[in-house]
Amino acid sequence: MAITLAPAAYERVRRFMASTPGVLGLRFGVTRTGCSGWGYTVDLAREQRGDDAVFEQDGVRIFVDAQSLPLVDGTRIDFVRQGLSETFTFDNPNATAECGCGESFTTRADVA
């Protein structure tokens, strides 16, 4: 599988990369947080780490660490604007439940 960017997310990341010197791509992963267990992390990548999986989409590279990959593999990242708010959204086939506020998620492995 892979991590993919919807057109709006692709354009947003591409603009960030173009305006920030030394950026290699997008770093995407998870961290333990929230009431459901996992929260997404999104940042600009300035280096490739030894355990990173790297996905490329039309010149934009997405770096995912080895621990996060099983939890996010297959995720489609989008970027949406709602009123005055802008945010990345995640369609993750591994997420089996989300907390009420949508800030964290659970996977099948967390329940087993």
N, C-alpha and C. Protein backbone atom coordinates (compact mmCIF):
# COMPACT_ATOMS: atom_id res chain seq x y z
N MET A 1 0.84 -1.18 0.00
CA MET A 1 0.00 0.00 0.00
C MET A 1 0.89 1.24 0.00
N ALA A 2 0.29 2.38 0.21
CA ALA A 2 1.05 3.64 0.17
C ALA A 2 0.28 4.72 0.92
N ILE A 3 0.93 5.83 1.10
CA ILE A 3 0.30 7.04 1.61
C ILE A 3 0.09 7.93 0.39
N THR A 4 -1.12 8.45 0.21
CA THR A 4 -1.39 9.29 -0.95
C THR A 4 -1.95 10.64 -0.52
N LEU A 5 -1.78 11.61 -1.39
CA LEU A 5 -2.27 12.96 -1.16
C LEU A 5 -3.39 13.28 -2.14
N ALA A 6 -4.51 13.77 -1.63
CA ALA A 6 -5.57 14.29 -2.48
C ALA A 6 -5.03 15.56 -3.14
N PRO A 7 -5.63 16.01 -4.24
CA PRO A 7 -5.11 17.19 -4.94
C PRO A 7 -4.91 18.42 -4.04
N ALA A 8 -5.85 18.72 -3.15
CA ALA A 8 -5.70 19.91 -2.28
C ALA A 8 -4.53 19.74 -1.31
N ALA A 9 -4.34 18.54 -0.77
CA ALA A 9 -3.21 18.29 0.13
C ALA A 9 -1.89 18.35 -0.63
N TYR A 10 -1.89 17.80 -1.83
CA TYR A 10 -0.68 17.84 -2.65
C TYR A 10 -0.25 19.30 -2.89
N GLU A 11 -1.19 20.14 -3.29
CA GLU A 11 -0.88 21.55 -3.56
C GLU A 11 -0.40 22.27 -2.30
N ARG A 12 -1.02 21.98 -1.17
CA ARG A 12 -0.62 22.63 0.08
C ARG A 12 0.81 22.24 0.46
N VAL A 13 1.13 20.95 0.38
CA VAL A 13 2.47 20.48 0.72
C VAL A 13 3.49 21.04 -0.28
N ARG A 14 3.13 21.05 -1.55
CA ARG A 14 4.04 21.56 -2.58
C ARG A 14 4.36 23.04 -2.31
N ARG A 15 3.36 23.82 -1.92
CA ARG A 15 3.60 25.24 -1.61
C ARG A 15 4.48 25.41 -0.37
N PHE A 16 4.23 24.59 0.64
CA PHE A 16 5.10 24.62 1.84
C PHE A 16 6.54 24.32 1.45
N MET A 17 6.73 23.30 0.63
CA MET A 17 8.08 22.91 0.22
C MET A 17 8.76 24.01 -0.58
N ALA A 18 8.02 24.64 -1.47
CA ALA A 18 8.60 25.69 -2.32
C ALA A 18 9.00 26.92 -1.51
N SER A 19 8.31 27.17 -0.41
CA SER A 19 8.59 28.38 0.37
C SER A 19 9.50 28.14 1.58
N THR A 20 9.93 26.89 1.78
CA THR A 20 10.76 26.57 2.94
C THR A 20 12.04 25.88 2.49
N PRO A 21 13.17 26.58 2.53
CA PRO A 21 14.44 25.99 2.09
C PRO A 21 14.81 24.76 2.91
N GLY A 22 15.39 23.77 2.25
CA GLY A 22 15.90 22.59 2.92
C GLY A 22 14.88 21.51 3.23
N VAL A 23 13.65 21.68 2.77
CA VAL A 23 12.61 20.69 3.04
C VAL A 23 12.63 19.61 1.97
N LEU A 24 12.62 18.35 2.41
CA LEU A 24 12.63 17.22 1.49
C LEU A 24 11.24 16.73 1.14
N GLY A 25 10.28 16.99 2.02
CA GLY A 25 8.93 16.50 1.80
C GLY A 25 8.10 16.61 3.06
N LEU A 26 7.12 15.73 3.18
CA LEU A 26 6.20 15.72 4.31
C LEU A 26 6.53 14.54 5.22
N ARG A 27 6.60 14.78 6.53
CA ARG A 27 6.76 13.70 7.51
C ARG A 27 5.39 13.43 8.10
N PHE A 28 4.95 12.17 8.01
CA PHE A 28 3.62 11.76 8.47
C PHE A 28 3.77 10.57 9.40
N GLY A 29 3.09 10.61 10.52
CA GLY A 29 3.17 9.50 11.46
C GLY A 29 2.10 9.59 12.52
N VAL A 30 2.30 8.86 13.61
CA VAL A 30 1.36 8.86 14.72
C VAL A 30 2.12 8.97 16.03
N THR A 31 1.40 9.39 17.05
CA THR A 31 1.92 9.42 18.41
C THR A 31 0.80 9.01 19.36
N ARG A 32 1.14 8.45 20.49
CA ARG A 32 0.14 8.08 21.50
C ARG A 32 -0.44 9.35 22.09
N THR A 33 -1.76 9.49 21.98
CA THR A 33 -2.42 10.68 22.49
C THR A 33 -3.93 10.48 22.50
N GLY A 34 -4.63 11.34 23.16
CA GLY A 34 -6.08 11.38 23.10
C GLY A 34 -6.76 10.20 23.77
N CYS A 35 -8.06 10.20 23.70
CA CYS A 35 -8.84 9.17 24.38
C CYS A 35 -8.94 7.88 23.58
N SER A 36 -8.62 7.90 22.30
CA SER A 36 -8.68 6.68 21.50
C SER A 36 -7.31 6.05 21.27
N GLY A 37 -6.24 6.73 21.61
CA GLY A 37 -4.94 6.08 21.56
C GLY A 37 -3.91 6.66 20.62
N TRP A 38 -4.28 6.99 19.40
CA TRP A 38 -3.31 7.46 18.40
C TRP A 38 -3.75 8.78 17.80
N GLY A 39 -2.81 9.68 17.63
CA GLY A 39 -3.06 10.94 16.95
C GLY A 39 -2.08 11.10 15.81
N TYR A 40 -2.49 11.74 14.75
CA TYR A 40 -1.63 11.95 13.59
C TYR A 40 -0.62 13.06 13.84
N THR A 41 0.56 12.91 13.27
CA THR A 41 1.56 13.97 13.28
C THR A 41 1.91 14.30 11.84
N VAL A 42 1.96 15.58 11.54
CA VAL A 42 2.29 16.06 10.20
C VAL A 42 3.29 17.19 10.36
N ASP A 43 4.40 17.09 9.64
CA ASP A 43 5.43 18.11 9.72
C ASP A 43 6.20 18.10 8.40
N LEU A 44 6.99 19.12 8.20
CA LEU A 44 7.88 19.14 7.04
C LEU A 44 9.12 18.32 7.37
N ALA A 45 9.56 17.50 6.44
CA ALA A 45 10.74 16.65 6.64
C ALA A 45 11.98 17.36 6.10
N ARG A 46 12.97 17.46 6.95
CA ARG A 46 14.24 18.07 6.55
C ARG A 46 15.34 17.02 6.38
N GLU A 47 15.03 15.78 6.76
CA GLU A 47 16.00 14.69 6.60
C GLU A 47 15.24 13.38 6.46
N GLN A 48 15.91 12.41 5.86
CA GLN A 48 15.38 11.06 5.81
C GLN A 48 16.05 10.26 6.92
N ARG A 49 15.24 9.63 7.75
CA ARG A 49 15.76 8.82 8.85
C ARG A 49 15.95 7.38 8.38
N GLY A 50 16.79 6.64 9.09
CA GLY A 50 17.14 5.29 8.68
C GLY A 50 15.98 4.33 8.54
N ASP A 51 14.93 4.49 9.36
CA ASP A 51 13.81 3.55 9.31
C ASP A 51 12.62 4.08 8.51
N ASP A 52 12.79 5.18 7.80
CA ASP A 52 11.68 5.77 7.05
C ASP A 52 11.30 4.95 5.82
N ALA A 53 10.00 4.80 5.62
CA ALA A 53 9.47 4.38 4.32
C ALA A 53 9.22 5.69 3.58
N VAL A 54 9.51 5.72 2.29
CA VAL A 54 9.35 6.95 1.51
C VAL A 54 8.40 6.67 0.35
N PHE A 55 7.36 7.47 0.26
CA PHE A 55 6.40 7.39 -0.83
C PHE A 55 6.53 8.69 -1.62
N GLU A 56 6.42 8.61 -2.94
CA GLU A 56 6.54 9.82 -3.75
C GLU A 56 5.32 9.95 -4.65
N GLN A 57 4.81 11.16 -4.72
CA GLN A 57 3.66 11.46 -5.57
C GLN A 57 3.96 12.74 -6.34
N ASP A 58 4.22 12.61 -7.61
CA ASP A 58 4.47 13.76 -8.49
C ASP A 58 5.51 14.72 -7.91
N GLY A 59 6.61 14.17 -7.40
CA GLY A 59 7.69 14.99 -6.89
C GLY A 59 7.60 15.37 -5.42
N VAL A 60 6.50 15.04 -4.76
CA VAL A 60 6.36 15.30 -3.33
C VAL A 60 6.61 13.98 -2.59
N ARG A 61 7.60 14.00 -1.70
CA ARG A 61 7.92 12.79 -0.94
C ARG A 61 7.25 12.83 0.43
N ILE A 62 6.77 11.66 0.85
CA ILE A 62 6.13 11.49 2.15
C ILE A 62 6.96 10.49 2.93
N PHE A 63 7.47 10.90 4.10
CA PHE A 63 8.32 10.07 4.94
C PHE A 63 7.51 9.56 6.13
N VAL A 64 7.55 8.23 6.34
CA VAL A 64 6.81 7.61 7.43
C VAL A 64 7.76 6.69 8.19
N ASP A 65 7.85 6.87 9.52
CA ASP A 65 8.74 6.02 10.31
C ASP A 65 8.17 4.60 10.42
N ALA A 66 9.04 3.64 10.71
CA ALA A 66 8.68 2.22 10.72
C ALA A 66 7.59 1.90 11.74
N GLN A 67 7.58 2.56 12.89
CA GLN A 67 6.56 2.29 13.90
C GLN A 67 5.18 2.79 13.47
N SER A 68 5.14 3.89 12.76
CA SER A 68 3.86 4.46 12.34
C SER A 68 3.28 3.75 11.13
N LEU A 69 4.13 3.22 10.27
CA LEU A 69 3.67 2.69 8.98
C LEU A 69 2.53 1.68 9.10
N PRO A 70 2.59 0.67 9.97
CA PRO A 70 1.47 -0.28 10.02
C PRO A 70 0.15 0.37 10.43
N LEU A 71 0.21 1.48 11.13
CA LEU A 71 -1.01 2.15 11.59
C LEU A 71 -1.58 3.12 10.57
N VAL A 72 -0.77 3.55 9.60
CA VAL A 72 -1.24 4.55 8.63
C VAL A 72 -1.15 4.08 7.18
N ASP A 73 -0.63 2.89 6.93
CA ASP A 73 -0.47 2.42 5.56
C ASP A 73 -1.82 2.42 4.84
N GLY A 74 -1.85 3.01 3.68
CA GLY A 74 -3.08 3.12 2.90
C GLY A 74 -3.85 4.41 3.13
N THR A 75 -3.36 5.28 3.99
CA THR A 75 -4.06 6.53 4.31
C THR A 75 -4.01 7.51 3.14
N ARG A 76 -5.13 8.16 2.92
CA ARG A 76 -5.22 9.25 1.94
C ARG A 76 -5.34 10.55 2.75
N ILE A 77 -4.42 11.46 2.50
CA ILE A 77 -4.39 12.75 3.20
C ILE A 77 -5.05 13.80 2.32
N ASP A 78 -5.94 14.58 2.89
CA ASP A 78 -6.58 15.67 2.16
C ASP A 78 -6.35 16.96 2.96
N PHE A 79 -6.66 18.08 2.34
CA PHE A 79 -6.57 19.38 2.99
C PHE A 79 -7.88 20.10 2.72
N VAL A 80 -8.57 20.49 3.80
CA VAL A 80 -9.88 21.10 3.63
C VAL A 80 -9.94 22.46 4.31
N ARG A 81 -10.76 23.31 3.75
CA ARG A 81 -11.06 24.63 4.33
C ARG A 81 -12.53 24.64 4.71
N GLN A 82 -12.80 24.99 5.97
CA GLN A 82 -14.17 25.10 6.45
C GLN A 82 -14.29 26.43 7.17
N GLY A 83 -14.95 27.37 6.54
CA GLY A 83 -15.03 28.71 7.12
C GLY A 83 -13.65 29.32 7.21
N LEU A 84 -13.24 29.71 8.40
CA LEU A 84 -11.92 30.30 8.60
C LEU A 84 -10.86 29.26 8.95
N SER A 85 -11.26 28.01 9.09
CA SER A 85 -10.32 26.95 9.49
C SER A 85 -9.79 26.19 8.28
N GLU A 86 -8.54 25.76 8.40
CA GLU A 86 -7.90 24.92 7.39
C GLU A 86 -7.23 23.78 8.13
N THR A 87 -7.35 22.57 7.60
CA THR A 87 -6.73 21.43 8.27
C THR A 87 -6.50 20.27 7.31
N PHE A 88 -5.54 19.44 7.65
CA PHE A 88 -5.37 18.19 6.94
C PHE A 88 -6.38 17.20 7.52
N THR A 89 -6.94 16.34 6.67
CA THR A 89 -7.82 15.27 7.10
C THR A 89 -7.23 13.95 6.62
N PHE A 90 -7.64 12.85 7.26
CA PHE A 90 -7.02 11.56 7.00
C PHE A 90 -8.08 10.49 6.82
N ASP A 91 -8.05 9.81 5.69
CA ASP A 91 -8.91 8.66 5.44
C ASP A 91 -8.03 7.43 5.61
N ASN A 92 -8.05 6.86 6.81
CA ASN A 92 -7.15 5.78 7.20
C ASN A 92 -7.92 4.46 7.27
N PRO A 93 -7.61 3.51 6.38
CA PRO A 93 -8.33 2.23 6.39
C PRO A 93 -8.03 1.39 7.63
N ASN A 94 -7.00 1.73 8.39
CA ASN A 94 -6.63 0.98 9.59
C ASN A 94 -7.37 1.46 10.84
N ALA A 95 -7.97 2.63 10.77
CA ALA A 95 -8.70 3.19 11.93
C ALA A 95 -10.05 2.50 12.05
N THR A 96 -10.30 1.93 13.23
CA THR A 96 -11.58 1.25 13.45
C THR A 96 -12.55 2.11 14.27
N ALA A 97 -12.02 3.12 14.96
CA ALA A 97 -12.86 4.03 15.74
C ALA A 97 -12.10 5.33 15.95
N GLU A 98 -12.86 6.41 16.15
CA GLU A 98 -12.28 7.71 16.47
C GLU A 98 -12.95 8.23 17.73
N CYS A 99 -12.23 9.07 18.46
CA CYS A 99 -12.85 9.69 19.62
C CYS A 99 -13.90 10.70 19.15
N GLY A 100 -14.72 11.16 20.05
CA GLY A 100 -15.80 12.07 19.71
C GLY A 100 -15.36 13.36 19.06
N CYS A 101 -14.20 13.88 19.47
CA CYS A 101 -13.72 15.15 18.91
C CYS A 101 -12.92 14.93 17.63
N GLY A 102 -12.62 13.68 17.28
CA GLY A 102 -11.90 13.40 16.04
C GLY A 102 -10.40 13.60 16.12
N GLU A 103 -9.86 13.80 17.31
CA GLU A 103 -8.42 14.06 17.46
C GLU A 103 -7.57 12.80 17.55
N SER A 104 -8.18 11.65 17.86
CA SER A 104 -7.40 10.42 17.97
C SER A 104 -8.22 9.24 17.43
N PHE A 105 -7.52 8.13 17.20
CA PHE A 105 -8.17 6.96 16.61
C PHE A 105 -7.62 5.69 17.23
N THR A 106 -8.36 4.59 17.01
CA THR A 106 -8.00 3.26 17.46
C THR A 106 -7.89 2.37 16.24
N THR A 107 -7.02 1.37 16.31
CA THR A 107 -6.91 0.38 15.24
C THR A 107 -7.36 -0.98 15.76
N ARG A 108 -7.55 -1.91 14.84
CA ARG A 108 -7.93 -3.27 15.19
C ARG A 108 -6.91 -3.87 16.16
N ALA A 109 -5.61 -3.60 15.94
CA ALA A 109 -4.55 -4.14 16.80
C ALA A 109 -4.67 -3.63 18.23
N ASP A 110 -5.19 -2.41 18.42
CA ASP A 110 -5.35 -1.85 19.77
C ASP A 110 -6.44 -2.57 20.54
N VAL A 111 -7.44 -3.08 19.83
CA VAL A 111 -8.59 -3.73 20.46
C VAL A 111 -8.28 -5.19 20.78
N ALA A 112 -7.45 -5.81 19.95
CA ALA A 112 -7.16 -7.26 20.10
C ALA A 112 -6.40 -7.55 21.37
